[in-house]
């Protein structure tokens, strides 16, 4: 195998590994929530409920549409693709029944938003997890 083939193989492996990265749902570290189910998280991100299990009004934050972690999150937690989620939110917004999650650029932006908002909930790659947020659900 020559150098060029090695680079291509490495790139393909890296792409495959990133597609399989774990996703964690995070809340503010001061939140009383310890864990959440995928159904609870799905309800918030699909606009079926506006409250956290604690009773507080949820402040969900989404990653950019172009973020690979967004597609993985929606696929594994809600069972829907991003396009289906976008269509569902369009219907809710049009009918006046909901406001979609705030959208930010990446995991660092999600952590910043969640760390600064007691009722925020978002998702990041597990590799980005640190003490600024608290994981309540890990999705493989």
Protein backbone atom coordinates (compact mmCIF):
# COMPACT_ATOMS: atom_id res chain seq x y z
CA UNK A 1 0.00 0.00 0.00
CA UNK A 2 1.48 3.37 -0.96
CA UNK A 3 1.18 6.61 0.99
CA UNK A 4 -1.83 7.87 -0.97
CA UNK A 5 -3.77 4.66 -0.32
CA UNK A 6 -2.86 4.87 3.36
CA UNK A 7 -4.25 8.42 3.56
CA UNK A 8 -7.47 7.38 1.81
CA UNK A 9 -7.91 4.37 4.11
CA UNK A 10 -7.21 6.55 7.16
CA UNK A 11 -9.74 9.12 5.98
CA UNK A 12 -12.38 6.44 5.42
CA UNK A 13 -11.73 4.95 8.86
CA UNK A 14 -11.95 8.38 10.49
CA UNK A 15 -15.24 9.07 8.72
CA UNK A 16 -16.65 5.75 9.89
CA UNK A 17 -15.50 6.32 13.44
CA UNK A 18 -16.97 9.81 13.63
CA UNK A 19 -20.30 8.48 12.42
CA UNK A 20 -20.28 6.06 15.35
CA UNK A 21 -19.27 8.59 18.03
CA UNK A 22 -21.37 8.60 21.17
CA UNK A 23 -23.76 11.48 21.73
CA UNK A 24 -24.63 12.78 25.19
CA UNK A 25 -27.65 14.84 26.17
CA UNK A 26 -26.54 17.57 28.58
CA UNK A 27 -28.15 19.92 31.07
CA UNK A 28 -26.87 22.65 33.35
CA UNK A 29 -24.59 21.21 36.07
CA UNK A 30 -26.82 22.77 38.77
CA UNK A 31 -29.92 21.00 37.40
CA UNK A 32 -31.63 18.55 39.75
CA UNK A 33 -31.99 16.12 36.83
CA UNK A 34 -29.74 13.07 37.09
CA UNK A 35 -31.01 11.07 34.11
CA UNK A 36 -33.56 11.30 31.32
CA UNK A 37 -34.99 8.71 28.99
CA UNK A 38 -34.75 8.93 25.22
CA UNK A 39 -38.56 9.38 25.14
CA UNK A 40 -38.37 12.38 27.50
CA UNK A 41 -35.61 13.99 25.43
CA UNK A 42 -37.40 13.19 22.16
CA UNK A 43 -40.59 14.86 23.43
CA UNK A 44 -38.74 18.10 24.10
CA UNK A 45 -36.82 18.16 20.81
CA UNK A 46 -39.91 17.26 18.75
CA UNK A 47 -42.11 19.87 20.43
CA UNK A 48 -44.43 17.37 22.11
CA UNK A 49 -43.66 18.84 25.54
CA UNK A 50 -42.11 22.06 26.76
CA UNK A 51 -41.20 20.92 30.23
CA UNK A 52 -38.31 19.04 31.75
CA UNK A 53 -39.08 16.11 34.08
CA UNK A 54 -38.38 18.54 36.95
CA UNK A 55 -41.37 20.64 35.83
CA UNK A 56 -39.25 23.56 34.63
CA UNK A 57 -39.81 24.97 31.14
CA UNK A 58 -37.18 23.43 28.89
CA UNK A 59 -34.83 25.59 26.83
CA UNK A 60 -33.67 23.15 24.13
CA UNK A 61 -30.65 23.97 21.98
CA UNK A 62 -29.92 22.35 18.63
CA UNK A 63 -26.68 22.07 16.70
CA UNK A 64 -26.34 23.47 13.17
CA UNK A 65 -28.12 21.50 10.44
CA UNK A 66 -24.72 20.71 8.90
CA UNK A 67 -23.40 19.09 12.11
CA UNK A 68 -23.01 15.30 11.89
CA UNK A 69 -23.88 15.01 15.59
CA UNK A 70 -27.31 16.53 14.90
CA UNK A 71 -28.26 13.81 12.40
CA UNK A 72 -26.98 11.14 14.78
CA UNK A 73 -28.86 12.63 17.75
CA UNK A 74 -32.20 12.80 15.93
CA UNK A 75 -31.79 9.39 14.33
CA UNK A 76 -30.93 7.61 17.58
CA UNK A 77 -33.09 9.54 20.07
CA UNK A 78 -36.21 10.31 18.03
CA UNK A 79 -35.98 7.71 15.27
CA UNK A 80 -36.35 10.51 12.70
CA UNK A 81 -34.04 12.09 10.14
CA UNK A 82 -33.27 15.83 10.31
CA UNK A 83 -35.54 16.56 7.33
CA UNK A 84 -38.48 14.88 9.09
CA UNK A 85 -37.78 16.87 12.26
CA UNK A 86 -37.58 20.11 10.28
CA UNK A 87 -40.92 19.34 8.59
CA UNK A 88 -42.56 18.57 11.94
CA UNK A 89 -41.32 21.86 13.40
CA UNK A 90 -42.52 23.75 10.32
CA UNK A 91 -46.04 22.42 10.96
CA UNK A 92 -45.88 23.34 14.66
CA UNK A 93 -44.59 26.84 13.95
CA UNK A 94 -47.16 27.44 11.17
CA UNK A 95 -50.01 26.37 13.45
CA UNK A 96 -48.68 28.51 16.31
CA UNK A 97 -48.14 25.47 18.53
CA UNK A 98 -44.41 25.67 19.04
CA UNK A 99 -41.04 27.30 18.69
CA UNK A 100 -38.13 25.13 17.51
CA UNK A 101 -35.00 24.74 19.63
CA UNK A 102 -32.49 27.57 19.48
CA UNK A 103 -29.81 26.66 16.93
CA UNK A 104 -26.11 27.17 17.62
CA UNK A 105 -23.00 26.26 15.65
CA UNK A 106 -21.31 23.37 17.45
CA UNK A 107 -20.78 21.44 20.69
CA UNK A 108 -18.75 24.26 22.25
CA UNK A 109 -21.66 26.66 21.63
CA UNK A 110 -24.12 24.13 23.10
CA UNK A 111 -22.01 23.79 26.26
CA UNK A 112 -21.79 27.58 26.60
CA UNK A 113 -25.59 27.97 26.24
CA UNK A 114 -26.38 25.10 28.62
CA UNK A 115 -23.84 26.26 31.22
CA UNK A 116 -25.42 29.72 31.21
CA UNK A 117 -29.07 28.63 31.39
CA UNK A 118 -30.46 26.59 34.30
CA UNK A 119 -33.25 25.01 32.21
CA UNK A 120 -31.28 24.40 29.01
CA UNK A 121 -30.94 20.98 27.40
CA UNK A 122 -28.76 20.11 24.43
CA UNK A 123 -26.58 17.40 22.94
CA UNK A 124 -22.88 17.12 22.14
CA UNK A 125 -20.34 14.50 21.16
CA UNK A 126 -19.34 12.53 24.25
CA UNK A 127 -15.70 13.46 23.56
CA UNK A 128 -16.63 17.13 24.17
CA UNK A 129 -18.12 16.44 27.62
CA UNK A 130 -16.55 18.39 30.48
CA UNK A 131 -17.49 19.87 33.85
CA UNK A 132 -19.34 22.85 32.34
CA UNK A 133 -22.38 20.63 31.66
CA UNK A 134 -23.95 17.44 33.08
CA UNK A 135 -24.79 14.36 31.01
CA UNK A 136 -28.30 12.93 31.58
CA UNK A 137 -28.43 10.48 28.66
CA UNK A 138 -25.75 8.74 26.58
CA UNK A 139 -26.70 7.47 23.14
CA UNK A 140 -24.53 4.92 21.33
